[in-house]
Amino acid sequence: MRENAFLTVKDLENIPPEMLPMPVLSDNLRSFFSWGIKAHTEGSYNHFMWMIYPGVLASQNTLFQKEPVASYVKKCRLKLWYCKTWTVNDRIKVINAIEQELARPWYKRCYDYFAILGQLLWCEMQIPGFDICSDKGKFINMVDPSYDLSHPDPTQINVWLGEHPDKYEVYGRYVPD
């Protein structure tokens, strides 16, 4: 395993399927909006998503959808976490849950922009049934009941994963040229 290594695009596209899914944090280096999120959360990442297949991400943007990792590599830093205590059945359970959510009608996979307004105002305002990117961390709870974050931001997920080194480790990082 390439624990905490710097990854290439080829590495990202060829992560062994038996290691997936992986929580992924990203930082869009060219976005003012990204900078604002990082400044507000006092963190290093502005987006959370899942790598569910080699080179394929499930990401909550305008819609929760599959995207090729190639759509992130020109403008984003990435940090991939490996969940070393998850069994094969745990991994299948999480991927199936993500796939079920991806299969919902488009209008049930929309981004909750109202929640972003709430975070900017330091209060919880969320439209029931809609998520922001980091709400998708909820899939961790399906196989790890100690995951206790409610409507987190990407920084909170990053911190939480780092606080549990017995279960989670950084698989690798990607930085564009």
N, C-alpha and C. Protein backbone atom coordinates (compact mmCIF):
# COMPACT_ATOMS: atom_id res chain seq x y z
N MET A 1 0.85 -1.19 0.00
CA MET A 1 0.00 0.00 0.00
C MET A 1 0.89 1.24 0.00
N ARG A 2 0.39 2.30 -0.58
CA ARG A 2 1.14 3.54 -0.71
C ARG A 2 0.78 4.50 0.42
N GLU A 3 0.78 4.05 1.63
CA GLU A 3 0.32 4.85 2.76
C GLU A 3 0.91 6.26 2.75
N ASN A 4 0.02 7.23 2.71
CA ASN A 4 0.36 8.65 2.80
C ASN A 4 1.39 9.08 1.75
N ALA A 5 1.37 8.44 0.61
CA ALA A 5 2.29 8.78 -0.48
C ALA A 5 1.69 9.86 -1.36
N PHE A 6 2.52 10.47 -2.19
CA PHE A 6 2.01 11.36 -3.22
C PHE A 6 1.64 10.49 -4.42
N LEU A 7 0.44 10.67 -4.90
CA LEU A 7 -0.10 9.84 -5.96
C LEU A 7 -0.03 10.55 -7.30
N THR A 8 0.04 9.77 -8.35
CA THR A 8 -0.05 10.29 -9.71
C THR A 8 -1.49 10.10 -10.20
N VAL A 9 -1.80 10.67 -11.35
CA VAL A 9 -3.12 10.46 -11.94
C VAL A 9 -3.33 8.97 -12.19
N LYS A 10 -2.30 8.32 -12.69
CA LYS A 10 -2.39 6.87 -12.94
C LYS A 10 -2.68 6.11 -11.65
N ASP A 11 -2.04 6.51 -10.55
CA ASP A 11 -2.32 5.88 -9.25
C ASP A 11 -3.79 6.04 -8.87
N LEU A 12 -4.32 7.24 -9.05
CA LEU A 12 -5.72 7.51 -8.70
C LEU A 12 -6.69 6.67 -9.52
N GLU A 13 -6.32 6.43 -10.76
CA GLU A 13 -7.19 5.67 -11.65
C GLU A 13 -7.05 4.16 -11.46
N ASN A 14 -6.05 3.74 -10.68
CA ASN A 14 -5.79 2.31 -10.52
C ASN A 14 -5.74 1.85 -9.07
N ILE A 15 -6.48 2.51 -8.21
CA ILE A 15 -6.54 2.06 -6.82
C ILE A 15 -7.23 0.69 -6.81
N PRO A 16 -6.68 -0.27 -6.10
CA PRO A 16 -7.28 -1.60 -6.09
C PRO A 16 -8.74 -1.56 -5.60
N PRO A 17 -9.64 -2.18 -6.35
CA PRO A 17 -11.06 -2.16 -5.97
C PRO A 17 -11.33 -2.66 -4.56
N GLU A 18 -10.52 -3.60 -4.08
CA GLU A 18 -10.74 -4.15 -2.74
C GLU A 18 -10.45 -3.14 -1.63
N MET A 19 -9.85 -2.00 -1.97
CA MET A 19 -9.57 -0.95 -0.99
C MET A 19 -10.68 0.10 -0.96
N LEU A 20 -11.61 0.00 -1.87
CA LEU A 20 -12.66 1.01 -2.00
C LEU A 20 -13.93 0.56 -1.28
N PRO A 21 -14.74 1.53 -0.87
CA PRO A 21 -14.69 2.96 -1.14
C PRO A 21 -13.71 3.69 -0.22
N MET A 22 -13.33 4.88 -0.66
CA MET A 22 -12.44 5.73 0.13
C MET A 22 -13.04 7.12 0.26
N PRO A 23 -13.07 7.66 1.47
CA PRO A 23 -13.41 9.08 1.61
C PRO A 23 -12.32 9.93 0.95
N VAL A 24 -12.75 10.97 0.24
CA VAL A 24 -11.81 11.83 -0.47
C VAL A 24 -12.13 13.28 -0.14
N LEU A 25 -11.10 14.02 0.22
CA LEU A 25 -11.22 15.46 0.43
C LEU A 25 -10.53 16.17 -0.71
N SER A 26 -11.09 17.29 -1.15
CA SER A 26 -10.44 18.03 -2.23
C SER A 26 -10.38 19.51 -1.90
N ASP A 27 -9.45 20.15 -2.58
CA ASP A 27 -9.25 21.59 -2.45
C ASP A 27 -9.06 22.14 -3.85
N ASN A 28 -10.03 22.88 -4.33
CA ASN A 28 -9.92 23.50 -5.64
C ASN A 28 -9.00 24.72 -5.50
N LEU A 29 -7.83 24.61 -6.07
CA LEU A 29 -6.81 25.65 -5.92
C LEU A 29 -7.11 26.92 -6.71
N ARG A 30 -8.08 26.87 -7.60
CA ARG A 30 -8.36 28.00 -8.49
C ARG A 30 -9.71 28.65 -8.23
N SER A 31 -10.32 28.38 -7.11
CA SER A 31 -11.68 28.85 -6.86
C SER A 31 -11.76 29.80 -5.66
N PHE A 32 -12.37 30.93 -5.89
CA PHE A 32 -12.61 31.87 -4.80
C PHE A 32 -13.59 31.27 -3.79
N PHE A 33 -14.59 30.54 -4.31
CA PHE A 33 -15.58 29.88 -3.45
C PHE A 33 -14.88 28.87 -2.54
N SER A 34 -13.94 28.12 -3.11
CA SER A 34 -13.17 27.15 -2.34
C SER A 34 -12.39 27.85 -1.23
N TRP A 35 -11.75 28.94 -1.59
CA TRP A 35 -11.00 29.71 -0.59
C TRP A 35 -11.92 30.16 0.54
N GLY A 36 -13.13 30.61 0.20
CA GLY A 36 -14.08 31.07 1.21
C GLY A 36 -14.48 29.96 2.17
N ILE A 37 -14.72 28.78 1.64
CA ILE A 37 -15.07 27.64 2.51
C ILE A 37 -13.92 27.32 3.45
N LYS A 38 -12.71 27.27 2.92
CA LYS A 38 -11.55 26.96 3.77
C LYS A 38 -11.33 28.04 4.83
N ALA A 39 -11.53 29.28 4.46
CA ALA A 39 -11.37 30.37 5.43
C ALA A 39 -12.44 30.27 6.52
N HIS A 40 -13.66 29.96 6.10
CA HIS A 40 -14.77 29.88 7.06
C HIS A 40 -14.59 28.70 8.02
N THR A 41 -14.12 27.56 7.50
CA THR A 41 -13.98 26.36 8.33
C THR A 41 -12.61 26.24 8.97
N GLU A 42 -11.70 27.17 8.62
CA GLU A 42 -10.33 27.15 9.11
C GLU A 42 -9.66 25.82 8.81
N GLY A 43 -9.89 25.33 7.59
CA GLY A 43 -9.33 24.05 7.19
C GLY A 43 -8.60 24.13 5.87
N SER A 44 -8.22 22.97 5.38
CA SER A 44 -7.43 22.89 4.15
C SER A 44 -8.21 22.35 2.96
N TYR A 45 -9.43 21.89 3.19
CA TYR A 45 -10.21 21.27 2.12
C TYR A 45 -11.59 21.90 2.05
N ASN A 46 -12.12 21.97 0.83
CA ASN A 46 -13.42 22.60 0.65
C ASN A 46 -14.49 21.64 0.16
N HIS A 47 -14.15 20.38 -0.12
CA HIS A 47 -15.12 19.46 -0.70
C HIS A 47 -14.85 18.04 -0.22
N PHE A 48 -15.95 17.29 -0.03
CA PHE A 48 -15.87 15.89 0.37
C PHE A 48 -16.60 15.04 -0.66
N MET A 49 -16.03 13.88 -0.96
CA MET A 49 -16.66 12.94 -1.89
C MET A 49 -16.15 11.54 -1.60
N TRP A 50 -16.62 10.57 -2.38
CA TRP A 50 -16.22 9.19 -2.23
C TRP A 50 -15.62 8.66 -3.52
N MET A 51 -14.50 7.94 -3.43
CA MET A 51 -14.04 7.16 -4.57
C MET A 51 -14.71 5.80 -4.40
N ILE A 52 -15.55 5.44 -5.37
CA ILE A 52 -16.31 4.20 -5.25
C ILE A 52 -15.79 3.09 -6.17
N TYR A 53 -15.10 3.47 -7.22
CA TYR A 53 -14.46 2.54 -8.15
C TYR A 53 -13.14 3.19 -8.56
N PRO A 54 -12.20 2.40 -9.06
CA PRO A 54 -10.94 3.02 -9.49
C PRO A 54 -11.21 4.15 -10.49
N GLY A 55 -10.77 5.35 -10.15
CA GLY A 55 -10.93 6.51 -11.02
C GLY A 55 -12.32 7.10 -11.07
N VAL A 56 -13.25 6.62 -10.24
CA VAL A 56 -14.63 7.11 -10.26
C VAL A 56 -15.01 7.64 -8.87
N LEU A 57 -15.49 8.88 -8.86
CA LEU A 57 -15.91 9.54 -7.62
C LEU A 57 -17.43 9.70 -7.59
N ALA A 58 -17.99 9.63 -6.41
CA ALA A 58 -19.39 10.01 -6.19
C ALA A 58 -19.30 11.34 -5.46
N SER A 59 -19.79 12.39 -6.12
CA SER A 59 -19.57 13.74 -5.62
C SER A 59 -20.86 14.55 -5.62
N GLN A 60 -21.10 15.26 -4.53
CA GLN A 60 -22.27 16.12 -4.41
C GLN A 60 -21.90 17.51 -4.90
N ASN A 61 -22.15 17.77 -6.16
CA ASN A 61 -21.97 19.10 -6.71
C ASN A 61 -23.36 19.68 -6.90
N THR A 62 -23.72 20.14 -8.06
CA THR A 62 -25.10 20.57 -8.28
C THR A 62 -26.04 19.40 -8.03
N LEU A 63 -25.63 18.22 -8.49
CA LEU A 63 -26.32 16.95 -8.22
C LEU A 63 -25.32 15.98 -7.60
N PHE A 64 -25.81 15.01 -6.86
CA PHE A 64 -24.97 13.91 -6.41
C PHE A 64 -24.84 12.98 -7.60
N GLN A 65 -23.60 12.81 -8.09
CA GLN A 65 -23.41 12.05 -9.32
C GLN A 65 -22.00 11.45 -9.37
N LYS A 66 -21.84 10.50 -10.29
CA LYS A 66 -20.52 9.93 -10.54
C LYS A 66 -19.74 10.89 -11.43
N GLU A 67 -18.45 10.99 -11.14
CA GLU A 67 -17.56 11.83 -11.95
C GLU A 67 -16.22 11.13 -12.06
N PRO A 68 -15.56 11.26 -13.19
CA PRO A 68 -14.21 10.70 -13.29
C PRO A 68 -13.24 11.53 -12.46
N VAL A 69 -12.29 10.85 -11.83
CA VAL A 69 -11.28 11.56 -11.05
C VAL A 69 -10.54 12.55 -11.93
N ALA A 70 -10.49 12.28 -13.23
CA ALA A 70 -9.81 13.18 -14.17
C ALA A 70 -10.42 14.58 -14.17
N SER A 71 -11.68 14.71 -13.78
CA SER A 71 -12.29 16.04 -13.74
C SER A 71 -11.79 16.89 -12.57
N TYR A 72 -11.04 16.29 -11.66
CA TYR A 72 -10.50 17.02 -10.51
C TYR A 72 -9.00 17.25 -10.57
N VAL A 73 -8.28 16.46 -11.35
CA VAL A 73 -6.82 16.46 -11.25
C VAL A 73 -6.12 17.69 -11.80
N LYS A 74 -6.75 18.48 -12.61
CA LYS A 74 -6.08 19.67 -13.15
C LYS A 74 -6.14 20.86 -12.19
N LYS A 75 -7.14 20.86 -11.30
CA LYS A 75 -7.34 22.05 -10.47
C LYS A 75 -7.42 21.78 -8.96
N CYS A 76 -7.38 20.52 -8.56
CA CYS A 76 -7.61 20.21 -7.14
C CYS A 76 -6.50 19.37 -6.51
N ARG A 77 -6.24 19.68 -5.25
CA ARG A 77 -5.47 18.77 -4.41
C ARG A 77 -6.45 17.74 -3.88
N LEU A 78 -6.02 16.52 -3.70
CA LEU A 78 -6.88 15.46 -3.18
C LEU A 78 -6.18 14.75 -2.03
N LYS A 79 -6.98 14.32 -1.08
CA LYS A 79 -6.48 13.51 0.05
C LYS A 79 -7.43 12.33 0.18
N LEU A 80 -6.89 11.13 0.06
CA LEU A 80 -7.68 9.90 0.11
C LEU A 80 -7.43 9.16 1.41
N TRP A 81 -8.50 8.78 2.07
CA TRP A 81 -8.42 8.04 3.33
C TRP A 81 -8.76 6.57 3.07
N TYR A 82 -8.03 5.70 3.71
CA TYR A 82 -8.28 4.26 3.63
C TYR A 82 -8.83 3.80 4.98
N CYS A 83 -9.89 3.00 4.93
CA CYS A 83 -10.54 2.52 6.15
C CYS A 83 -10.10 1.07 6.37
N LYS A 84 -9.03 0.91 7.15
CA LYS A 84 -8.35 -0.38 7.26
C LYS A 84 -9.12 -1.43 8.06
N THR A 85 -10.12 -1.06 8.82
CA THR A 85 -10.87 -2.06 9.60
C THR A 85 -12.14 -2.53 8.90
N TRP A 86 -12.47 -1.91 7.78
CA TRP A 86 -13.70 -2.31 7.09
C TRP A 86 -13.50 -3.67 6.43
N THR A 87 -14.51 -4.52 6.58
CA THR A 87 -14.49 -5.83 5.95
C THR A 87 -14.97 -5.70 4.50
N VAL A 88 -14.86 -6.78 3.77
CA VAL A 88 -15.38 -6.81 2.40
C VAL A 88 -16.87 -6.48 2.42
N ASN A 89 -17.60 -7.06 3.37
CA ASN A 89 -19.05 -6.79 3.47
C ASN A 89 -19.33 -5.33 3.81
N ASP A 90 -18.51 -4.72 4.67
CA ASP A 90 -18.65 -3.30 5.00
C ASP A 90 -18.49 -2.47 3.74
N ARG A 91 -17.47 -2.78 2.96
CA ARG A 91 -17.20 -2.02 1.74
C ARG A 91 -18.35 -2.15 0.74
N ILE A 92 -18.85 -3.35 0.59
CA ILE A 92 -19.99 -3.58 -0.32
C ILE A 92 -21.22 -2.81 0.18
N LYS A 93 -21.44 -2.82 1.47
CA LYS A 93 -22.60 -2.13 2.05
C LYS A 93 -22.54 -0.62 1.76
N VAL A 94 -21.37 -0.01 1.93
CA VAL A 94 -21.23 1.43 1.69
C VAL A 94 -21.38 1.74 0.20
N ILE A 95 -20.73 0.96 -0.65
CA ILE A 95 -20.85 1.22 -2.09
C ILE A 95 -22.30 1.05 -2.54
N ASN A 96 -22.98 0.02 -2.06
CA ASN A 96 -24.39 -0.18 -2.44
C ASN A 96 -25.25 0.98 -1.99
N ALA A 97 -25.01 1.50 -0.79
CA ALA A 97 -25.79 2.64 -0.29
C ALA A 97 -25.54 3.89 -1.14
N ILE A 98 -24.28 4.11 -1.52
CA ILE A 98 -23.96 5.24 -2.38
C ILE A 98 -24.62 5.06 -3.74
N GLU A 99 -24.56 3.86 -4.29
CA GLU A 99 -25.20 3.59 -5.59
C GLU A 99 -26.71 3.82 -5.52
N GLN A 100 -27.34 3.42 -4.42
CA GLN A 100 -28.78 3.65 -4.25
C GLN A 100 -29.09 5.14 -4.25
N GLU A 101 -28.25 5.90 -3.58
CA GLU A 101 -28.47 7.35 -3.56
C GLU A 101 -28.23 7.97 -4.94
N LEU A 102 -27.25 7.46 -5.65
CA LEU A 102 -26.97 7.95 -7.01
C LEU A 102 -28.12 7.62 -7.97
N ALA A 103 -28.87 6.57 -7.68
CA ALA A 103 -29.97 6.13 -8.54
C ALA A 103 -31.28 6.90 -8.28
N ARG A 104 -31.30 7.73 -7.26
CA ARG A 104 -32.52 8.50 -6.98
C ARG A 104 -32.77 9.48 -8.12
N PRO A 105 -34.02 9.92 -8.30
CA PRO A 105 -34.30 10.92 -9.34
C PRO A 105 -33.45 12.17 -9.13
N TRP A 106 -33.16 12.87 -10.19
CA TRP A 106 -32.26 14.03 -10.14
C TRP A 106 -32.72 15.06 -9.11
N TYR A 107 -34.02 15.27 -8.99
CA TYR A 107 -34.53 16.30 -8.07
C TYR A 107 -34.38 15.91 -6.60
N LYS A 108 -34.01 14.66 -6.33
CA LYS A 108 -33.74 14.23 -4.96
C LYS A 108 -32.24 14.14 -4.68
N ARG A 109 -31.44 14.51 -5.68
CA ARG A 109 -29.98 14.50 -5.52
C ARG A 109 -29.39 15.90 -5.61
N CYS A 110 -30.24 16.91 -5.50
CA CYS A 110 -29.79 18.30 -5.65
C CYS A 110 -28.99 18.76 -4.43
N TYR A 111 -28.09 19.66 -4.68
CA TYR A 111 -27.27 20.28 -3.63
C TYR A 111 -28.13 21.20 -2.78
N ASP A 112 -27.90 21.21 -1.49
CA ASP A 112 -28.67 22.05 -0.57
C ASP A 112 -27.95 23.39 -0.35
N TYR A 113 -28.19 24.32 -1.25
CA TYR A 113 -27.55 25.63 -1.15
C TYR A 113 -28.03 26.39 0.09
N PHE A 114 -29.22 26.11 0.55
CA PHE A 114 -29.75 26.74 1.76
C PHE A 114 -28.87 26.40 2.97
N ALA A 115 -28.35 25.16 3.00
CA ALA A 115 -27.48 24.74 4.10
C ALA A 115 -26.18 25.53 4.12
N ILE A 116 -25.66 25.86 2.94
CA ILE A 116 -24.43 26.67 2.88
C ILE A 116 -24.69 28.05 3.49
N LEU A 117 -25.83 28.62 3.18
CA LEU A 117 -26.20 29.91 3.79
C LEU A 117 -26.23 29.77 5.31
N GLY A 118 -26.81 28.68 5.80
CA GLY A 118 -26.85 28.45 7.24
C GLY A 118 -25.47 28.34 7.85
N GLN A 119 -24.56 27.64 7.16
CA GLN A 119 -23.20 27.52 7.69
C GLN A 119 -22.50 28.87 7.72
N LEU A 120 -22.75 29.69 6.72
CA LEU A 120 -22.15 31.03 6.71
C LEU A 120 -22.64 31.87 7.88
N LEU A 121 -23.88 31.60 8.30
CA LEU A 121 -24.47 32.34 9.42
C LEU A 121 -24.28 31.62 10.75
N TRP A 122 -23.50 30.55 10.74
CA TRP A 122 -23.22 29.75 11.94
C TRP A 122 -24.49 29.19 12.57
N CYS A 123 -25.43 28.76 11.74
CA CYS A 123 -26.64 28.11 12.27
C CYS A 123 -27.02 26.98 11.31
N GLU A 124 -27.73 26.02 11.85
CA GLU A 124 -28.11 24.87 11.03
C GLU A 124 -29.42 25.16 10.31
N MET A 125 -29.33 25.23 9.01
CA MET A 125 -30.50 25.42 8.16
C MET A 125 -30.34 24.42 7.02
N GLN A 126 -31.17 23.42 6.99
CA GLN A 126 -31.03 22.40 5.96
C GLN A 126 -32.41 21.98 5.48
N ILE A 127 -32.53 21.81 4.17
CA ILE A 127 -33.77 21.32 3.59
C ILE A 127 -33.78 19.80 3.77
N PRO A 128 -34.78 19.25 4.46
CA PRO A 128 -34.82 17.81 4.68
C PRO A 128 -34.74 17.03 3.35
N GLY A 129 -33.87 16.02 3.35
CA GLY A 129 -33.71 15.20 2.16
C GLY A 129 -32.66 15.70 1.18
N PHE A 130 -32.11 16.89 1.41
CA PHE A 130 -31.07 17.43 0.55
C PHE A 130 -29.77 17.51 1.34
N ASP A 131 -28.66 17.41 0.63
CA ASP A 131 -27.35 17.37 1.27
C ASP A 131 -26.41 18.39 0.66
N ILE A 132 -25.38 18.72 1.44
CA ILE A 132 -24.19 19.36 0.89
C ILE A 132 -23.14 18.24 0.80
N CYS A 133 -22.01 18.51 0.20
CA CYS A 133 -21.03 17.45 -0.07
C CYS A 133 -20.64 16.67 1.18
N SER A 134 -20.36 17.35 2.26
CA SER A 134 -19.85 16.67 3.44
C SER A 134 -20.92 15.90 4.21
N ASP A 135 -22.19 16.13 3.90
CA ASP A 135 -23.24 15.29 4.48
C ASP A 135 -23.08 13.84 4.02
N LYS A 136 -22.42 13.64 2.89
CA LYS A 136 -22.23 12.28 2.37
C LYS A 136 -21.26 11.48 3.23
N GLY A 137 -20.64 12.09 4.21
CA GLY A 137 -19.87 11.35 5.20
C GLY A 137 -20.75 10.40 5.99
N LYS A 138 -22.06 10.60 5.93
CA LYS A 138 -23.02 9.76 6.66
C LYS A 138 -22.86 8.28 6.36
N PHE A 139 -22.31 7.95 5.19
CA PHE A 139 -22.15 6.54 4.84
C PHE A 139 -21.14 5.85 5.74
N ILE A 140 -20.24 6.59 6.35
CA ILE A 140 -19.29 6.00 7.30
C ILE A 140 -20.05 5.35 8.45
N ASN A 141 -21.10 6.02 8.91
CA ASN A 141 -21.87 5.55 10.06
C ASN A 141 -22.52 4.19 9.81
N MET A 142 -22.73 3.83 8.57
CA MET A 142 -23.34 2.53 8.25
C MET A 142 -22.48 1.37 8.72
N VAL A 143 -21.17 1.57 8.77
CA VAL A 143 -20.26 0.50 9.14
C VAL A 143 -19.36 0.86 10.33
N ASP A 144 -19.46 2.10 10.78
CA ASP A 144 -18.70 2.55 11.94
C ASP A 144 -19.61 3.44 12.78
N PRO A 145 -20.29 2.84 13.76
CA PRO A 145 -21.24 3.60 14.58
C PRO A 145 -20.61 4.72 15.40
N SER A 146 -19.28 4.75 15.49
CA SER A 146 -18.64 5.84 16.23
C SER A 146 -18.65 7.15 15.44
N TYR A 147 -18.97 7.08 14.15
CA TYR A 147 -19.07 8.30 13.34
C TYR A 147 -20.30 9.06 13.84
N ASP A 148 -20.07 10.22 14.42
CA ASP A 148 -21.13 10.95 15.10
C ASP A 148 -21.31 12.38 14.59
N LEU A 149 -20.83 12.66 13.40
CA LEU A 149 -20.93 14.03 12.88
C LEU A 149 -22.29 14.25 12.24
N SER A 150 -22.88 15.38 12.54
CA SER A 150 -24.17 15.75 11.95
C SER A 150 -23.96 17.03 11.15
N HIS A 151 -24.23 16.97 9.86
CA HIS A 151 -24.06 18.11 8.95
C HIS A 151 -22.67 18.74 9.10
N PRO A 152 -21.62 17.90 8.95
CA PRO A 152 -20.26 18.43 9.10
C PRO A 152 -19.82 19.21 7.87
N ASP A 153 -18.72 19.91 8.01
CA ASP A 153 -18.05 20.49 6.85
C ASP A 153 -16.86 19.58 6.54
N PRO A 154 -16.21 19.75 5.39
CA PRO A 154 -15.08 18.87 5.05
C PRO A 154 -13.96 18.85 6.09
N THR A 155 -13.70 19.98 6.71
CA THR A 155 -12.65 20.03 7.73
C THR A 155 -13.01 19.13 8.92
N GLN A 156 -14.26 19.14 9.32
CA GLN A 156 -14.67 18.30 10.45
C GLN A 156 -14.51 16.81 10.13
N ILE A 157 -14.83 16.42 8.90
CA ILE A 157 -14.63 15.02 8.52
C ILE A 157 -13.15 14.69 8.53
N ASN A 158 -12.33 15.55 7.98
CA ASN A 158 -10.88 15.34 7.95
C ASN A 158 -10.33 15.17 9.38
N VAL A 159 -10.74 16.03 10.27
CA VAL A 159 -10.29 15.96 11.67
C VAL A 159 -10.78 14.66 12.31
N TRP A 160 -12.06 14.32 12.09
CA TRP A 160 -12.62 13.10 12.68
C TRP A 160 -11.85 11.86 12.22
N LEU A 161 -11.61 11.75 10.92
CA LEU A 161 -10.86 10.61 10.41
C LEU A 161 -9.46 10.55 11.03
N GLY A 162 -8.81 11.70 11.16
CA GLY A 162 -7.48 11.76 11.75
C GLY A 162 -7.45 11.41 13.23
N GLU A 163 -8.57 11.59 13.90
CA GLU A 163 -8.66 11.27 15.33
C GLU A 163 -8.86 9.78 15.58
N HIS A 164 -8.99 8.99 14.52
CA HIS A 164 -9.23 7.55 14.65
C HIS A 164 -8.18 6.76 13.86
N PRO A 165 -6.90 6.92 14.21
CA PRO A 165 -5.84 6.26 13.44
C PRO A 165 -5.87 4.74 13.54
N ASP A 166 -6.57 4.20 14.53
CA ASP A 166 -6.71 2.76 14.63
C ASP A 166 -7.60 2.19 13.53
N LYS A 167 -8.41 3.06 12.91
CA LYS A 167 -9.34 2.62 11.86
C LYS A 167 -9.05 3.25 10.50
N TYR A 168 -8.57 4.48 10.49
CA TYR A 168 -8.44 5.25 9.24
C TYR A 168 -7.01 5.78 9.09
N GLU A 169 -6.51 5.69 7.88
CA GLU A 169 -5.20 6.26 7.59
C GLU A 169 -5.24 6.92 6.23
N VAL A 170 -4.35 7.87 6.05
CA VAL A 170 -4.26 8.55 4.77
C VAL A 170 -3.61 7.59 3.79
N TYR A 171 -4.34 7.25 2.74
CA TYR A 171 -3.81 6.38 1.69
C TYR A 171 -2.81 7.13 0.82
N GLY A 172 -3.18 8.35 0.49
CA GLY A 172 -2.27 9.14 -0.34
C GLY A 172 -2.84 10.51 -0.63
N ARG A 173 -2.00 11.32 -1.23
CA ARG A 173 -2.38 12.70 -1.60
C ARG A 173 -2.01 12.93 -3.05
N TYR A 174 -2.79 13.76 -3.69
CA TYR A 174 -2.51 14.15 -5.06
C TYR A 174 -2.41 15.67 -5.12
N VAL A 175 -1.39 16.17 -5.77
CA VAL A 175 -1.22 17.61 -5.97
C VAL A 175 -0.95 17.84 -7.45
N PRO A 176 -1.77 18.70 -8.09
CA PRO A 176 -1.54 18.93 -9.52
C PRO A 176 -0.22 19.66 -9.78
N ASP A 177 0.32 19.46 -10.97
CA ASP A 177 1.55 20.17 -11.35
C ASP A 177 1.26 21.64 -11.55
